[in-house]
Amino acid sequence: MRRIHATLLLAVLIFSLAITAPAQAAIPSRTAPVVNGLLFWSNGCPHCETVLRYTLPPLQEQYRSQLDIQMVELVTLEDVDEFYAIFTAFGLSKEQIDVPLLLINDAPLVGAEQIAAELPGLIEQYIAVGGVEPPLILGEHSALLSRALPFTSFDPDTLIQVEEETSFNGEWLGWAVMVLMGIAILLVVLAFIRAFQGKPLATFQGWLDWAIPILALIGLGVALYLTYVEWSHARAICGPVGDCNTVQSSRYARLFGVFPVGLLGALGYIAMLATWGWRRWRSGWLAKQAGVALFGMALFGTIFSIYLTYLELFVIKAVCIWCLSSAVIIALLMLLTLPAAAQWLAASDETEA
């Protein structure tokens, strides 16, 4: 009887092991901790390229499956607006929000320098405590976030190669404006040389003098429109040439990341209008110096426009028809105010002699 009981117990034990063994095998071993992050970037952004090409690849190679970076590309102006909405909710001001921006553990890292400096240490820190879940973004942003792609599936070399092989619309116009501004600067140099030789240009009279406030008013209108676009993040009307919205949504649309370039231009045109009016309807020493002041403002504006056009051609890789129009206007104003500056130089040279 005891043998029968022992046999039955042994059979039950074997049967139990046969049932539970597959279930135990199905229980996964403890997985390695994973650090999740979300990177916002845009095509044509040189700082984004730095992160994609130099910062993330070695980290991904080092941590492999323990690092999961999802990438969201900002393509349209609506994407940019949504991007601002997401991170103003995180307590950042619009001046602080820029691409590339990496969100990890609900803490944003802004810019290539901060990402490169802080991300490696954060990865080690979060792995040590068991990893970190994907960032939680509140609000209706599912359409934008659904386009996220893993960094492991992204080849920056392919993107850069496509950019280099594709000429952007309006490049020829940007180069034409750059050449015209270069010629204008050369004419200024030649006029100054003649002024030092005692042969200054004659000042413009009649309608050519009135062309100064007319051009300044047109430039003011352009600058105010760009200011509106930069402040409101509205979609600019670009016409058939160029891509104004790419230019206006870039980090270079704000001076030092804070002051809109369009507003700087508007203030410059207002100052030129006021100076021209003072020179024409007032007398005295200050009125006599107004012509030189007009030229100085126009010269600064032209040099600054050359810099901005360079950024459009070589960095942003898009041109803005409004920006190019303002560049032509300020160059023409520089030439129209050149005779007054040349005569002032000739007079100064004679006084010293």
Protein backbone atom coordinates (compact mmCIF):
# COMPACT_ATOMS: atom_id res chain seq x y z
CA MET A 1 0.00 0.00 0.00
CA ARG A 2 2.82 2.35 0.90
CA ARG A 3 4.48 1.53 -2.40
CA ILE A 4 1.30 2.46 -4.24
CA HIS A 5 1.09 5.79 -2.38
CA ALA A 6 4.75 6.51 -3.08
CA THR A 7 4.24 5.71 -6.75
CA LEU A 8 1.22 8.01 -6.92
CA LEU A 9 3.11 10.85 -5.20
CA LEU A 10 6.02 10.45 -7.60
CA ALA A 11 3.64 10.53 -10.56
CA VAL A 12 1.95 13.70 -9.27
CA LEU A 13 5.37 15.37 -8.75
CA ILE A 14 6.51 14.50 -12.26
CA PHE A 15 3.22 15.76 -13.71
CA SER A 16 3.51 19.02 -11.77
CA LEU A 17 7.04 19.61 -12.96
CA ALA A 18 6.00 18.93 -16.55
CA ILE A 19 3.26 21.57 -16.31
CA THR A 20 5.21 24.28 -14.49
CA ALA A 21 8.50 23.95 -16.38
CA PRO A 22 7.29 25.71 -19.58
CA ALA A 23 5.67 28.46 -17.53
CA GLN A 24 8.89 29.06 -15.61
CA ALA A 25 10.85 29.12 -18.85
CA ALA A 26 8.45 31.73 -20.20
CA ILE A 27 9.25 34.16 -17.36
CA PRO A 28 11.88 36.54 -18.79
CA SER A 29 15.07 37.23 -16.98
CA ARG A 30 15.51 40.71 -15.59
CA THR A 31 16.17 43.06 -18.52
CA ALA A 32 18.92 45.67 -18.60
CA PRO A 33 17.81 49.20 -17.67
CA VAL A 34 16.96 51.45 -20.62
CA VAL A 35 17.31 55.24 -20.85
CA ASN A 36 14.64 56.79 -23.09
CA GLY A 37 14.86 60.25 -24.66
CA LEU A 38 13.11 62.40 -27.26
CA LEU A 39 15.13 64.61 -29.62
CA PHE A 40 13.57 67.51 -31.54
CA TRP A 41 15.58 68.66 -34.55
CA SER A 42 15.22 70.33 -37.96
CA ASN A 43 16.91 69.86 -41.30
CA GLY A 44 19.47 72.52 -42.18
CA CYS A 45 20.28 73.23 -38.53
CA PRO A 46 24.09 73.00 -38.12
CA HIS A 47 23.84 72.36 -34.37
CA CYS A 48 21.41 69.50 -35.02
CA GLU A 49 23.92 68.05 -37.48
CA THR A 50 26.59 68.20 -34.77
CA VAL A 51 24.42 66.19 -32.39
CA LEU A 52 23.33 63.69 -35.05
CA ARG A 53 26.77 63.17 -36.51
CA TYR A 54 29.14 63.48 -33.56
CA THR A 55 27.35 63.35 -30.19
CA LEU A 56 24.78 60.57 -30.43
CA PRO A 57 26.53 57.91 -32.58
CA PRO A 58 29.32 57.06 -30.08
CA LEU A 59 26.83 57.01 -27.19
CA GLN A 60 24.49 54.72 -29.13
CA GLU A 61 27.42 52.46 -29.97
CA GLN A 62 28.47 52.36 -26.31
CA TYR A 63 25.08 51.69 -24.72
CA ARG A 64 23.31 49.96 -27.63
CA SER A 65 19.88 48.71 -26.52
CA GLN A 66 20.15 50.54 -23.19
CA LEU A 67 19.80 53.89 -24.98
CA ASP A 68 16.61 54.61 -26.93
CA ILE A 69 16.50 58.08 -28.50
CA GLN A 70 13.39 58.87 -30.55
CA MET A 71 13.75 61.71 -33.06
CA VAL A 72 11.05 64.21 -34.07
CA GLU A 73 11.84 66.40 -37.08
CA LEU A 74 10.30 69.88 -37.24
CA VAL A 75 9.37 70.42 -40.87
CA THR A 76 6.59 73.00 -41.10
CA LEU A 77 5.87 76.25 -39.29
CA GLU A 78 2.99 74.45 -37.57
CA ASP A 79 5.53 71.95 -36.20
CA VAL A 80 7.55 74.86 -34.81
CA ASP A 81 4.46 76.37 -33.16
CA GLU A 82 3.66 73.02 -31.56
CA PHE A 83 7.28 72.66 -30.48
CA TYR A 84 7.08 76.02 -28.69
CA ALA A 85 3.76 75.03 -27.09
CA ILE A 86 5.23 71.80 -25.72
CA PHE A 87 8.23 73.38 -24.04
CA THR A 88 6.61 76.54 -22.76
CA ALA A 89 4.56 74.03 -20.74
CA PHE A 90 7.88 72.79 -19.33
CA GLY A 91 8.62 76.30 -18.03
CA LEU A 92 10.93 77.49 -20.82
CA SER A 93 10.53 80.90 -22.43
CA LYS A 94 10.42 81.17 -26.21
CA GLU A 95 13.90 82.67 -26.16
CA GLN A 96 15.21 79.54 -24.41
CA ILE A 97 13.56 77.07 -26.80
CA ASP A 98 15.66 76.05 -29.78
CA VAL A 99 16.75 72.98 -31.72
CA PRO A 100 18.35 70.61 -31.11
CA LEU A 101 16.42 69.90 -27.91
CA LEU A 102 16.66 66.57 -26.12
CA LEU A 103 14.02 65.71 -23.54
CA ILE A 104 15.11 63.09 -21.04
CA ASN A 105 13.34 62.29 -17.77
CA ASP A 106 11.15 65.35 -18.40
CA ALA A 107 14.25 67.60 -18.28
CA PRO A 108 15.11 69.46 -21.55
CA LEU A 109 18.68 69.80 -22.78
CA VAL A 110 18.85 72.69 -25.26
CA GLY A 111 21.59 73.11 -27.85
CA ALA A 112 24.46 70.96 -29.07
CA GLU A 113 26.82 72.09 -26.31
CA GLN A 114 24.50 71.24 -23.40
CA ILE A 115 23.55 67.88 -24.95
CA ALA A 116 27.20 66.93 -25.47
CA ALA A 117 28.20 68.10 -21.98
CA GLU A 118 25.37 66.61 -19.90
CA LEU A 119 23.91 63.62 -21.77
CA PRO A 120 26.73 61.09 -21.08
CA GLY A 121 26.56 61.72 -17.34
CA LEU A 122 22.77 61.52 -17.31
CA ILE A 123 22.83 58.18 -19.12
CA GLU A 124 25.16 56.72 -16.50
CA GLN A 125 23.08 58.21 -13.69
CA TYR A 126 19.78 56.81 -14.98
CA ILE A 127 21.19 53.38 -15.81
CA ALA A 128 22.46 53.14 -12.22
CA VAL A 129 18.93 53.67 -10.87
CA GLY A 130 17.21 51.26 -13.26
CA GLY A 131 16.66 53.37 -16.39
CA VAL A 132 14.13 56.07 -17.20
CA GLU A 133 10.80 55.88 -19.03
CA PRO A 134 9.99 57.90 -22.19
CA PRO A 135 9.23 61.55 -21.42
CA LEU A 136 5.64 62.43 -20.62
CA ILE A 137 4.28 65.21 -22.84
CA LEU A 138 0.87 66.55 -21.93
CA GLY A 139 -1.60 68.01 -24.40
CA GLU A 140 -2.75 67.20 -27.91
CA HIS A 141 0.55 66.60 -29.65
CA SER A 142 0.00 63.06 -30.90
CA ALA A 143 0.23 64.00 -34.60
CA LEU A 144 3.70 65.48 -34.18
CA LEU A 145 4.98 62.80 -31.80
CA SER A 146 3.65 59.97 -33.99
CA ARG A 147 6.34 60.89 -36.53
CA ALA A 148 9.11 59.99 -34.06
CA LEU A 149 11.75 57.64 -35.42
CA PRO A 150 14.46 55.80 -33.48
CA PHE A 151 17.94 57.20 -33.86
CA THR A 152 19.21 53.69 -34.60
CA SER A 153 17.28 53.80 -37.91
CA PHE A 154 18.64 57.21 -38.90
CA ASP A 155 21.61 57.76 -41.20
CA PRO A 156 22.86 61.36 -41.00
CA ASP A 157 25.19 60.79 -43.95
CA THR A 158 22.20 60.14 -46.20
CA LEU A 159 20.51 63.34 -45.10
CA ILE A 160 23.63 65.47 -45.57
CA GLN A 161 24.29 63.92 -48.96
CA VAL A 162 20.76 64.76 -50.11
CA GLU A 163 21.18 68.34 -48.93
CA GLU A 164 24.46 68.75 -50.77
CA GLU A 165 23.10 67.31 -54.01
CA THR A 166 19.92 69.39 -54.02
CA SER A 167 20.11 73.11 -54.88
CA PHE A 168 17.55 75.14 -53.00
CA ASN A 169 15.07 77.45 -54.64
CA GLY A 170 16.19 81.07 -54.83
CA GLU A 171 19.92 80.48 -54.47
CA TRP A 172 20.61 82.46 -57.66
CA LEU A 173 18.75 85.48 -56.28
CA GLY A 174 20.71 85.36 -53.04
CA TRP A 175 23.97 85.33 -54.96
CA ALA A 176 22.79 88.20 -57.19
CA VAL A 177 22.00 90.34 -54.14
CA MET A 178 25.32 89.43 -52.54
CA VAL A 179 27.19 90.54 -55.70
CA LEU A 180 25.23 93.83 -55.84
CA MET A 181 26.07 94.60 -52.21
CA GLY A 182 29.70 93.80 -52.89
CA ILE A 183 29.74 96.22 -55.82
CA ALA A 184 28.10 98.88 -53.63
CA ILE A 185 30.82 98.47 -50.99
CA LEU A 186 33.49 98.74 -53.73
CA LEU A 187 31.92 102.01 -54.94
CA VAL A 188 32.08 103.33 -51.37
CA VAL A 189 35.79 102.55 -51.19
CA LEU A 190 36.46 104.26 -54.54
CA ALA A 191 34.44 107.32 -53.49
CA PHE A 192 36.43 107.58 -50.26
CA ILE A 193 39.72 107.38 -52.18
CA ARG A 194 38.58 110.24 -54.43
CA ALA A 195 37.46 112.22 -51.37
CA PHE A 196 40.92 111.96 -49.84
CA GLN A 197 42.31 113.19 -53.18
CA GLY A 198 40.08 116.28 -52.92
CA LYS A 199 37.52 115.10 -55.48
CA PRO A 200 34.35 114.32 -53.48
CA LEU A 201 31.06 113.41 -55.12
CA ALA A 202 28.42 116.11 -55.53
CA THR A 203 25.42 115.72 -53.25
CA PHE A 204 22.18 114.52 -54.79
CA GLN A 205 19.39 117.05 -55.19
CA GLY A 206 15.70 116.93 -56.15
CA TRP A 207 14.03 113.57 -56.55
CA LEU A 208 17.20 111.64 -55.71
CA ASP A 209 17.21 113.19 -52.25
CA TRP A 210 13.51 112.37 -51.83
CA ALA A 211 14.30 108.78 -52.83
CA ILE A 212 15.95 108.37 -49.41
CA PRO A 213 12.75 108.64 -47.29
CA ILE A 214 10.73 106.74 -49.90
CA LEU A 215 13.14 103.79 -49.81
CA ALA A 216 13.32 104.00 -46.01
CA LEU A 217 9.51 103.82 -45.79
CA ILE A 218 9.44 100.75 -48.06
CA GLY A 219 12.20 99.16 -45.99
CA LEU A 220 10.28 99.96 -42.80
CA GLY A 221 7.23 98.15 -44.15
CA VAL A 222 9.32 95.07 -45.00
CA ALA A 223 11.00 95.11 -41.58
CA LEU A 224 7.69 95.49 -39.72
CA TYR A 225 6.23 92.54 -41.62
CA LEU A 226 9.25 90.38 -40.74
CA THR A 227 8.95 91.52 -37.12
CA TYR A 228 5.31 90.40 -37.10
CA VAL A 229 6.28 86.99 -38.53
CA GLU A 230 9.09 86.54 -36.00
CA TRP A 231 6.98 87.56 -32.99
CA SER A 232 3.77 85.72 -33.90
CA HIS A 233 5.37 82.71 -35.64
CA ALA A 234 2.83 83.25 -38.41
CA ARG A 235 3.45 81.73 -41.81
CA ALA A 236 5.14 84.26 -44.09
CA ILE A 237 3.96 84.96 -47.63
CA CYS A 238 7.03 84.07 -49.67
CA GLY A 239 5.95 84.08 -53.29
CA PRO A 240 7.49 81.81 -55.93
CA VAL A 241 11.13 82.36 -54.89
CA GLY A 242 12.84 81.23 -51.71
CA ASP A 243 11.60 79.79 -48.43
CA CYS A 244 10.96 82.64 -46.00
CA ASN A 245 9.51 80.37 -43.33
CA THR A 246 12.66 78.26 -43.08
CA VAL A 247 14.71 81.44 -42.63
CA GLN A 248 12.30 83.00 -40.11
CA SER A 249 12.04 79.82 -38.04
CA SER A 250 15.84 79.47 -37.80
CA ARG A 251 17.80 80.55 -34.73
CA TYR A 252 19.36 83.35 -36.78
CA ALA A 253 16.05 85.21 -37.02
CA ARG A 254 16.81 86.59 -33.54
CA LEU A 255 19.93 88.50 -32.59
CA PHE A 256 21.66 86.71 -29.68
CA GLY A 257 18.61 84.43 -29.63
CA VAL A 258 16.46 87.22 -28.15
CA PHE A 259 16.04 90.32 -30.32
CA PRO A 260 14.17 89.86 -33.64
CA VAL A 261 16.32 90.88 -36.60
CA GLY A 262 13.26 92.38 -38.28
CA LEU A 263 12.69 94.70 -35.33
CA LEU A 264 16.34 95.81 -35.49
CA GLY A 265 15.82 96.70 -39.15
CA ALA A 266 12.59 98.58 -38.37
CA LEU A 267 14.34 100.69 -35.73
CA GLY A 268 17.13 101.41 -38.18
CA TYR A 269 14.75 102.63 -40.88
CA ILE A 270 12.87 104.81 -38.36
CA ALA A 271 16.19 106.34 -37.27
CA MET A 272 17.09 107.05 -40.90
CA LEU A 273 13.74 108.75 -41.56
CA ALA A 274 14.14 110.93 -38.48
CA THR A 275 17.73 111.84 -39.41
CA TRP A 276 16.77 112.71 -42.99
CA GLY A 277 13.94 114.94 -41.74
CA TRP A 278 16.28 116.70 -39.29
CA ARG A 279 18.83 117.33 -42.04
CA ARG A 280 16.23 118.72 -44.44
CA TRP A 281 14.16 120.94 -42.14
CA ARG A 282 16.55 121.96 -39.40
CA SER A 283 19.76 123.98 -39.38
CA GLY A 284 22.85 124.07 -37.22
CA TRP A 285 25.81 121.81 -36.58
CA LEU A 286 23.68 118.73 -35.85
CA ALA A 287 21.77 119.10 -39.12
CA LYS A 288 25.07 119.34 -41.01
CA GLN A 289 26.24 116.06 -39.48
CA ALA A 290 22.97 114.30 -40.29
CA GLY A 291 24.11 113.36 -43.80
CA VAL A 292 27.15 111.53 -42.41
CA ALA A 293 24.96 109.85 -39.80
CA LEU A 294 22.60 108.65 -42.54
CA PHE A 295 25.52 107.11 -44.43
CA GLY A 296 26.87 105.47 -41.27
CA MET A 297 23.53 103.79 -40.55
CA ALA A 298 23.17 102.64 -44.16
CA LEU A 299 26.76 101.33 -44.23
CA PHE A 300 26.18 99.32 -41.04
CA GLY A 301 22.90 97.99 -42.44
CA THR A 302 24.57 96.91 -45.68
CA ILE A 303 27.40 95.08 -43.92
CA PHE A 304 24.90 93.38 -41.61
CA SER A 305 22.78 92.41 -44.64
CA ILE A 306 25.84 90.84 -46.27
CA TYR A 307 26.29 88.74 -43.12
CA LEU A 308 22.62 87.71 -43.08
CA THR A 309 22.68 86.80 -46.78
CA TYR A 310 25.79 84.71 -46.16
CA LEU A 311 23.88 82.81 -43.45
CA GLU A 312 20.98 82.20 -45.83
CA LEU A 313 23.26 80.87 -48.57
CA PHE A 314 25.71 78.77 -46.57
CA VAL A 315 24.13 77.93 -43.20
CA ILE A 316 20.33 78.00 -43.40
CA LYS A 317 20.37 76.99 -47.10
CA ALA A 318 17.21 78.94 -47.81
CA VAL A 319 16.62 82.53 -48.87
CA CYS A 320 13.92 84.97 -47.81
CA ILE A 321 12.64 87.32 -50.51
CA TRP A 322 11.73 89.89 -47.84
CA CYS A 323 15.24 89.80 -46.38
CA LEU A 324 16.83 90.13 -49.82
CA SER A 325 14.52 93.06 -50.63
CA SER A 326 15.61 94.83 -47.46
CA ALA A 327 19.25 94.16 -48.35
CA VAL A 328 18.83 95.83 -51.75
CA ILE A 329 17.01 98.80 -50.20
CA ILE A 330 19.69 99.44 -47.57
CA ALA A 331 22.45 99.15 -50.19
CA LEU A 332 20.69 101.75 -52.36
CA LEU A 333 20.34 104.02 -49.33
CA MET A 334 24.05 103.67 -48.68
CA LEU A 335 24.83 104.83 -52.23
CA LEU A 336 22.36 107.72 -52.04
CA THR A 337 23.93 108.99 -48.81
CA LEU A 338 27.50 108.38 -49.96
CA PRO A 339 28.15 111.91 -51.41
CA ALA A 340 27.48 113.58 -48.04
CA ALA A 341 29.98 111.26 -46.34
CA ALA A 342 32.54 111.77 -49.11
CA GLN A 343 32.26 115.56 -48.82
CA TRP A 344 32.62 115.35 -45.04
CA LEU A 345 35.81 113.30 -45.45
CA ALA A 346 37.22 115.77 -48.00
CA ALA A 347 36.45 118.70 -45.71
CA SER A 348 38.05 116.95 -42.73
CA ASP A 349 41.15 116.20 -44.79
CA GLU A 350 41.45 119.85 -45.86
CA THR A 351 41.03 121.05 -42.24
CA GLU A 352 43.83 118.78 -41.05
CA ALA A 353 46.04 119.96 -43.93
